[in-house]
C-alpha atoms as a PDB file:
ATOM      1  CA  UNK A   1     100.845  66.291 110.277  1.00  0.00           C
ATOM      2  CA  UNK A   2      97.172  66.034 109.409  1.00  0.00           C
ATOM      3  CA  UNK A   3      96.512  69.355 111.140  1.00  0.00           C
ATOM      4  CA  UNK A   4      99.258  71.065 109.152  1.00  0.00           C
ATOM      5  CA  UNK A   5      97.866  69.576 105.935  1.00  0.00           C
ATOM      6  CA  UNK A   6      94.335  70.800 106.673  1.00  0.00           C
ATOM      7  CA  UNK A   7      95.606  74.257 107.643  1.00  0.00           C
ATOM      8  CA  UNK A   8      97.658  74.286 104.446  1.00  0.00           C
ATOM      9  CA  UNK A   9      94.557  73.592 102.352  1.00  0.00           C
ATOM     10  CA  UNK A  10      92.825  76.551 104.002  1.00  0.00           C
ATOM     11  CA  UNK A  11      95.915  78.724 103.490  1.00  0.00           C
ATOM     12  CA  UNK A  12      96.131  77.944  99.788  1.00  0.00           C
ATOM     13  CA  UNK A  13      92.386  78.549  99.465  1.00  0.00           C
ATOM     14  CA  UNK A  14      92.777  81.947 101.136  1.00  0.00           C
ATOM     15  CA  UNK A  15      95.733  82.742  98.880  1.00  0.00           C
ATOM     16  CA  UNK A  16      93.718  81.826  95.780  1.00  0.00           C
ATOM     17  CA  UNK A  17      90.873  84.007  97.021  1.00  0.00           C
ATOM     18  CA  UNK A  18      93.186  86.961  97.594  1.00  0.00           C
ATOM     19  CA  UNK A  19      94.821  86.582  94.179  1.00  0.00           C
ATOM     20  CA  UNK A  20      91.521  86.324  92.316  1.00  0.00           C
ATOM     21  CA  UNK A  21      89.473  88.899  94.232  1.00  0.00           C
ATOM     22  CA  UNK A  22      91.886  91.632  95.380  1.00  0.00           C
ATOM     23  CA  UNK A  23      94.020  93.853  93.183  1.00  0.00           C
ATOM     24  CA  UNK A  24      97.017  95.527  94.832  1.00  0.00           C
ATOM     25  CA  UNK A  25      98.037  97.339  91.666  1.00  0.00           C
ATOM     26  CA  UNK A  26      96.362 100.030  89.600  1.00  0.00           C
ATOM     27  CA  UNK A  27      96.818 101.054  85.983  1.00  0.00           C
ATOM     28  CA  UNK A  28      97.956 104.662  85.697  1.00  0.00           C
ATOM     29  CA  UNK A  29      99.220 106.335  82.499  1.00  0.00           C
ATOM     30  CA  UNK A  30      99.758 103.015  80.704  1.00  0.00           C
ATOM     31  CA  UNK A  31     101.859 101.737  83.624  1.00  0.00           C
ATOM     32  CA  UNK A  32     100.915  99.285  86.310  1.00  0.00           C
ATOM     33  CA  UNK A  33     101.728 100.839  89.658  1.00  0.00           C
ATOM     34  CA  UNK A  34     101.264  99.256  93.053  1.00  0.00           C
ATOM     35  CA  UNK A  35      99.157 101.714  94.964  1.00  0.00           C
ATOM     36  CA  UNK A  36     100.227 102.784  98.428  1.00  0.00           C
ATOM     37  CA  UNK A  37      96.556 103.281  99.228  1.00  0.00           C
ATOM     38  CA  UNK A  38      95.798  99.610  98.696  1.00  0.00           C
ATOM     39  CA  UNK A  39      98.206  98.267 101.298  1.00  0.00           C
ATOM     40  CA  UNK A  40      95.527  95.967 102.743  1.00  0.00           C
ATOM     41  CA  UNK A  41      95.561  93.922  99.548  1.00  0.00           C
ATOM     42  CA  UNK A  42      99.363  93.707  99.596  1.00  0.00           C
ATOM     43  CA  UNK A  43      99.388  92.682 103.257  1.00  0.00           C
ATOM     44  CA  UNK A  44      96.706  90.052 102.585  1.00  0.00           C
ATOM     45  CA  UNK A  45      98.684  88.762  99.600  1.00  0.00           C
ATOM     46  CA  UNK A  46     101.976  88.399 101.464  1.00  0.00           C
ATOM     47  CA  UNK A  47     100.356  87.042 104.643  1.00  0.00           C
ATOM     48  CA  UNK A  48      98.413  84.317 102.843  1.00  0.00           C
ATOM     49  CA  UNK A  49     101.397  83.490 100.633  1.00  0.00           C
ATOM     50  CA  UNK A  50     103.596  83.199 103.727  1.00  0.00           C
ATOM     51  CA  UNK A  51     101.140  80.874 105.492  1.00  0.00           C
ATOM     52  CA  UNK A  52     100.601  78.732 102.405  1.00  0.00           C
ATOM     53  CA  UNK A  53     104.320  78.397 101.667  1.00  0.00           C
ATOM     54  CA  UNK A  54     105.111  77.661 105.307  1.00  0.00           C
ATOM     55  CA  UNK A  55     102.654  74.782 105.395  1.00  0.00           C
ATOM     56  CA  UNK A  56     103.734  73.379 102.044  1.00  0.00           C
ATOM     57  CA  UNK A  57     107.445  73.598 102.808  1.00  0.00           C
ATOM     58  CA  UNK A  58     106.930  72.131 106.289  1.00  0.00           C
ATOM     59  CA  UNK A  59     105.120  69.117 104.839  1.00  0.00           C
ATOM     60  CA  UNK A  60     107.755  68.614 102.136  1.00  0.00           C
ATOM     61  CA  UNK A  61     110.574  69.052 104.653  1.00  0.00           C
ATOM     62  CA  UNK A  62     108.969  66.634 107.095  1.00  0.00           C
ATOM     63  CA  UNK A  63     108.592  63.858 104.545  1.00  0.00           C
ATOM     64  CA  UNK A  64     112.104  64.411 103.198  1.00  0.00           C
ATOM     65  CA  UNK A  65     113.485  64.160 106.751  1.00  0.00           C
ATOM     66  CA  UNK A  66     111.487  61.002 107.434  1.00  0.00           C
ATOM     67  CA  UNK A  67     112.738  59.503 104.176  1.00  0.00           C
ATOM     68  CA  UNK A  68     116.410  60.387 104.779  1.00  0.00           C
ATOM     69  CA  UNK A  69     116.615  59.759 108.530  1.00  0.00           C
ATOM     70  CA  UNK A  70     114.569  56.701 109.252  1.00  0.00           C
ATOM     71  CA  UNK A  71     115.541  56.241 112.922  1.00  0.00           C
ATOM     72  CA  UNK A  72     114.582  59.676 114.292  1.00  0.00           C
ATOM     73  CA  UNK A  73     111.468  60.524 116.241  1.00  0.00           C
ATOM     74  CA  UNK A  74     108.666  62.077 114.228  1.00  0.00           C
ATOM     75  CA  UNK A  75     108.033  65.038 116.528  1.00  0.00           C
ATOM     76  CA  UNK A  76     111.649  66.199 116.184  1.00  0.00           C
ATOM     77  CA  UNK A  77     111.249  66.175 112.415  1.00  0.00           C
ATOM     78  CA  UNK A  78     108.036  68.214 112.598  1.00  0.00           C
ATOM     79  CA  UNK A  79     109.640  70.975 114.675  1.00  0.00           C
ATOM     80  CA  UNK A  80     112.697  71.278 112.436  1.00  0.00           C
ATOM     81  CA  UNK A  81     110.694  71.075 109.203  1.00  0.00           C
ATOM     82  CA  UNK A  82     108.236  73.707 110.415  1.00  0.00           C
ATOM     83  CA  UNK A  83     111.035  76.067 111.483  1.00  0.00           C
ATOM     84  CA  UNK A  84     112.821  75.671 108.160  1.00  0.00           C
ATOM     85  CA  UNK A  85     109.544  76.136 106.303  1.00  0.00           C
ATOM     86  CA  UNK A  86     109.027  79.429 108.135  1.00  0.00           C
ATOM     87  CA  UNK A  87     112.552  80.615 107.316  1.00  0.00           C
ATOM     88  CA  UNK A  88     112.341  79.725 103.626  1.00  0.00           C
ATOM     89  CA  UNK A  89     108.886  81.314 103.402  1.00  0.00           C
ATOM     90  CA  UNK A  90     110.275  84.478 104.997  1.00  0.00           C
ATOM     91  CA  UNK A  91     113.027  84.522 102.391  1.00  0.00           C
ATOM     92  CA  UNK A  92     110.627  84.034  99.484  1.00  0.00           C
ATOM     93  CA  UNK A  93     108.094  86.595 100.714  1.00  0.00           C
ATOM     94  CA  UNK A  94     110.833  89.067 101.595  1.00  0.00           C
ATOM     95  CA  UNK A  95     112.424  88.798  98.174  1.00  0.00           C
ATOM     96  CA  UNK A  96     109.040  89.128  96.459  1.00  0.00           C
ATOM     97  CA  UNK A  97     108.189  92.188  98.554  1.00  0.00           C
ATOM     98  CA  UNK A  98     111.496  93.836  97.702  1.00  0.00           C
ATOM     99  CA  UNK A  99     110.948  93.040  94.025  1.00  0.00           C
ATOM    100  CA  UNK A 100     107.406  94.416  94.076  1.00  0.00           C
ATOM    101  CA  UNK A 101     108.777  97.768  95.239  1.00  0.00           C
ATOM    102  CA  UNK A 102     111.586  97.552  92.656  1.00  0.00           C
ATOM    103  CA  UNK A 103     114.375  97.719  95.248  1.00  0.00           C
ATOM    104  CA  UNK A 104     115.667  94.142  95.006  1.00  0.00           C
ATOM    105  CA  UNK A 105     119.316  93.772  94.111  1.00  0.00           C
ATOM    106  CA  UNK A 106     121.573  90.775  94.281  1.00  0.00           C
ATOM    107  CA  UNK A 107     123.321  91.930  97.439  1.00  0.00           C
ATOM    108  CA  UNK A 108     119.973  92.442  99.185  1.00  0.00           C
ATOM    109  CA  UNK A 109     119.124  88.856  98.310  1.00  0.00           C
ATOM    110  CA  UNK A 110     122.479  87.670  99.585  1.00  0.00           C
ATOM    111  CA  UNK A 111     122.122  89.579 102.864  1.00  0.00           C
ATOM    112  CA  UNK A 112     118.609  88.222 103.440  1.00  0.00           C
ATOM    113  CA  UNK A 113     119.641  84.642 102.739  1.00  0.00           C
ATOM    114  CA  UNK A 114     122.733  84.982 104.956  1.00  0.00           C
ATOM    115  CA  UNK A 115     120.627  86.359 107.818  1.00  0.00           C
ATOM    116  CA  UNK A 116     118.241  83.437 107.555  1.00  0.00           C
ATOM    117  CA  UNK A 117     121.136  80.961 107.371  1.00  0.00           C
ATOM    118  CA  UNK A 118     122.687  82.483 110.494  1.00  0.00           C
ATOM    119  CA  UNK A 119     119.316  82.168 112.225  1.00  0.00           C
ATOM    120  CA  UNK A 120     119.045  78.493 111.254  1.00  0.00           C
ATOM    121  CA  UNK A 121     122.599  77.763 112.364  1.00  0.00           C
ATOM    122  CA  UNK A 122     121.926  79.405 115.716  1.00  0.00           C
ATOM    123  CA  UNK A 123     118.895  77.153 116.177  1.00  0.00           C
ATOM    124  CA  UNK A 124     120.946  74.107 115.220  1.00  0.00           C
ATOM    125  CA  UNK A 125     123.724  75.090 117.627  1.00  0.00           C
ATOM    126  CA  UNK A 126     121.245  75.634 120.450  1.00  0.00           C
ATOM    127  CA  UNK A 127     119.643  72.236 119.793  1.00  0.00           C
ATOM    128  CA  UNK A 128     123.072  70.552 119.725  1.00  0.00           C
ATOM    129  CA  UNK A 129     123.942  72.111 123.086  1.00  0.00           C
ATOM    130  CA  UNK A 130     120.666  70.854 124.592  1.00  0.00           C
ATOM    131  CA  UNK A 131     121.440  67.272 123.537  1.00  0.00           C
ATOM    132  CA  UNK A 132     124.885  67.287 125.183  1.00  0.00           C
END
């Protein structure tokens, strides 16, 4: 867990650097428009946000699992918490990306969340079959 915590500190530092130093949007005719020419800044923003959220959510998920299920092995909790952190980070970054391009609707959100839930349930089913 210490390695994830250290990597998370670096991820949040990189995210703060991207937010403060890079600008993915330009001001044009009194409107703020995200420029297609500055896709490197957008990619850096979403990549660092994804890594930072994954680490944070994995740490939170790990400690919640340890608190709720006291008799499980720690390494099983790390794997599950990290996987769920990745899935939730994908959902957050995906929804933010859709919103930044002004194409987010409620049914898009629902479809994305359902896809990620199906993915998690397939992992849980596969893990349950391995234990039997």
